[in-house]
Amino acid sequence: MTRRHLLIDPEVHAHLPQLPRALQRAFVDLCAELLADPAPAAADPYADIPRAYRLETRDLVVFYTVETPSVSIWRVRVNR
């Protein structure tokens, strides 16, 4: 099993406490899923950026890149 690191953009990190608890939990769950599988079938390649993805869930839209061994989340939107 590959050991991965999660990197969260400081601006994203600063806004997380402002989210309702349910969305904070959804974000934590999504982070765990991305660490287990950084390119799930539901993730779409994003723009022309190598290894960049857009993943939309019921609650969140997450933009991130995958660089072995890290997953870097650089943008999160609430999907409501």
C-alpha atoms as a PDB file:
ATOM      1  CA  MET A   1       0.000   0.000   0.000  1.00  0.00           C
ATOM      2  CA  THR A   2       1.344   3.415  -0.968  1.00  0.00           C
ATOM      3  CA  ARG A   3       1.623   5.861   1.890  1.00  0.00           C
ATOM      4  CA  ARG A   4       0.235   9.225   0.761  1.00  0.00           C
ATOM      5  CA  HIS A   5       0.334  12.711   2.206  1.00  0.00           C
ATOM      6  CA  LEU A   6      -2.525  15.177   2.125  1.00  0.00           C
ATOM      7  CA  LEU A   7      -1.708  18.822   1.438  1.00  0.00           C
ATOM      8  CA  ILE A   8      -4.435  21.435   1.855  1.00  0.00           C
ATOM      9  CA  ASP A   9      -4.052  24.948   0.484  1.00  0.00           C
ATOM     10  CA  PRO A  10      -3.829  27.465   3.359  1.00  0.00           C
ATOM     11  CA  GLU A  11      -6.798  29.428   1.998  1.00  0.00           C
ATOM     12  CA  VAL A  12      -8.937  26.276   1.915  1.00  0.00           C
ATOM     13  CA  HIS A  13      -7.765  25.350   5.417  1.00  0.00           C
ATOM     14  CA  ALA A  14      -8.653  28.822   6.722  1.00  0.00           C
ATOM     15  CA  HIS A  15     -12.252  28.530   5.493  1.00  0.00           C
ATOM     16  CA  LEU A  16     -12.967  25.015   6.785  1.00  0.00           C
ATOM     17  CA  PRO A  17     -13.975  26.124  10.313  1.00  0.00           C
ATOM     18  CA  GLN A  18     -16.641  28.374   8.768  1.00  0.00           C
ATOM     19  CA  LEU A  19     -18.434  25.408   7.205  1.00  0.00           C
ATOM     20  CA  PRO A  20     -21.305  23.706   9.031  1.00  0.00           C
ATOM     21  CA  ARG A  21     -20.255  20.557  10.919  1.00  0.00           C
ATOM     22  CA  ALA A  22     -21.911  18.261   8.379  1.00  0.00           C
ATOM     23  CA  LEU A  23     -19.836  19.773   5.560  1.00  0.00           C
ATOM     24  CA  GLN A  24     -16.678  19.578   7.661  1.00  0.00           C
ATOM     25  CA  ARG A  25     -17.350  15.854   8.167  1.00  0.00           C
ATOM     26  CA  ALA A  26     -18.035  15.438   4.435  1.00  0.00           C
ATOM     27  CA  PHE A  27     -14.684  17.101   3.695  1.00  0.00           C
ATOM     28  CA  VAL A  28     -12.808  14.836   6.126  1.00  0.00           C
ATOM     29  CA  ASP A  29     -14.486  11.752   4.633  1.00  0.00           C
ATOM     30  CA  LEU A  30     -13.611  12.909   1.122  1.00  0.00           C
ATOM     31  CA  CYS A  31      -9.978  13.467   2.138  1.00  0.00           C
ATOM     32  CA  ALA A  32      -9.810   9.909   3.481  1.00  0.00           C
ATOM     33  CA  GLU A  33     -11.268   8.586   0.228  1.00  0.00           C
ATOM     34  CA  LEU A  34      -8.759  10.544  -1.864  1.00  0.00           C
ATOM     35  CA  LEU A  35      -5.871   9.204   0.191  1.00  0.00           C
ATOM     36  CA  ALA A  36      -7.123   5.666  -0.432  1.00  0.00           C
ATOM     37  CA  ASP A  37      -7.776   6.257  -4.155  1.00  0.00           C
ATOM     38  CA  PRO A  38      -6.536   9.607  -5.513  1.00  0.00           C
ATOM     39  CA  ALA A  39      -8.108   9.136  -8.943  1.00  0.00           C
ATOM     40  CA  PRO A  40     -11.529   7.551  -8.431  1.00  0.00           C
ATOM     41  CA  ALA A  41     -13.722   6.895 -11.451  1.00  0.00           C
ATOM     42  CA  ALA A  42     -15.939   9.855 -10.493  1.00  0.00           C
ATOM     43  CA  ALA A  43     -13.032  12.321 -10.754  1.00  0.00           C
ATOM     44  CA  ASP A  44     -12.762  14.252 -13.999  1.00  0.00           C
ATOM     45  CA  PRO A  45      -9.466  15.572 -15.376  1.00  0.00           C
ATOM     46  CA  TYR A  46      -9.362  19.330 -14.814  1.00  0.00           C
ATOM     47  CA  ALA A  47      -8.378  21.729 -17.593  1.00  0.00           C
ATOM     48  CA  ASP A  48      -5.001  21.041 -19.174  1.00  0.00           C
ATOM     49  CA  ILE A  49      -3.222  20.726 -15.853  1.00  0.00           C
ATOM     50  CA  PRO A  50      -1.325  17.416 -15.591  1.00  0.00           C
ATOM     51  CA  ARG A  51      -2.676  15.150 -12.845  1.00  0.00           C
ATOM     52  CA  ALA A  52      -5.321  17.719 -11.823  1.00  0.00           C
ATOM     53  CA  TYR A  53      -8.841  16.522 -11.064  1.00  0.00           C
ATOM     54  CA  ARG A  54     -12.287  17.848 -10.253  1.00  0.00           C
ATOM     55  CA  LEU A  55     -14.394  15.640  -8.018  1.00  0.00           C
ATOM     56  CA  GLU A  56     -18.023  16.484  -7.344  1.00  0.00           C
ATOM     57  CA  THR A  57     -19.947  14.873  -4.509  1.00  0.00           C
ATOM     58  CA  ARG A  58     -23.416  15.582  -3.200  1.00  0.00           C
ATOM     59  CA  ASP A  59     -21.990  18.154  -0.770  1.00  0.00           C
ATOM     60  CA  LEU A  60     -18.700  19.415  -2.196  1.00  0.00           C
ATOM     61  CA  VAL A  61     -16.739  20.101  -5.365  1.00  0.00           C
ATOM     62  CA  VAL A  62     -13.013  19.561  -4.822  1.00  0.00           C
ATOM     63  CA  PHE A  63     -10.162  20.512  -7.141  1.00  0.00           C
ATOM     64  CA  TYR A  64      -6.861  18.759  -6.500  1.00  0.00           C
ATOM     65  CA  THR A  65      -3.653  17.432  -7.992  1.00  0.00           C
ATOM     66  CA  VAL A  66      -1.919  14.128  -7.445  1.00  0.00           C
ATOM     67  CA  GLU A  67       1.858  14.019  -7.128  1.00  0.00           C
ATOM     68  CA  THR A  68       3.249  10.784  -5.779  1.00  0.00           C
ATOM     69  CA  PRO A  69       3.051  10.448  -2.827  1.00  0.00           C
ATOM     70  CA  SER A  70       0.810  13.443  -2.145  1.00  0.00           C
ATOM     71  CA  VAL A  71      -2.693  14.663  -2.868  1.00  0.00           C
ATOM     72  CA  SER A  72      -2.915  18.472  -2.916  1.00  0.00           C
ATOM     73  CA  ILE A  73      -6.338  20.039  -2.446  1.00  0.00           C
ATOM     74  CA  TRP A  74      -6.304  23.597  -3.720  1.00  0.00           C
ATOM     75  CA  ARG A  75      -9.966  24.546  -4.056  1.00  0.00           C
ATOM     76  CA  VAL A  76     -13.233  23.470  -2.435  1.00  0.00           C
ATOM     77  CA  ARG A  77     -16.752  24.673  -3.232  1.00  0.00           C
ATOM     78  CA  VAL A  78     -19.975  23.871  -1.436  1.00  0.00           C
ATOM     79  CA  ASN A  79     -22.299  22.035  -3.812  1.00  0.00           C
ATOM     80  CA  ARG A  80     -25.740  23.211  -2.714  1.00  0.00           C
END
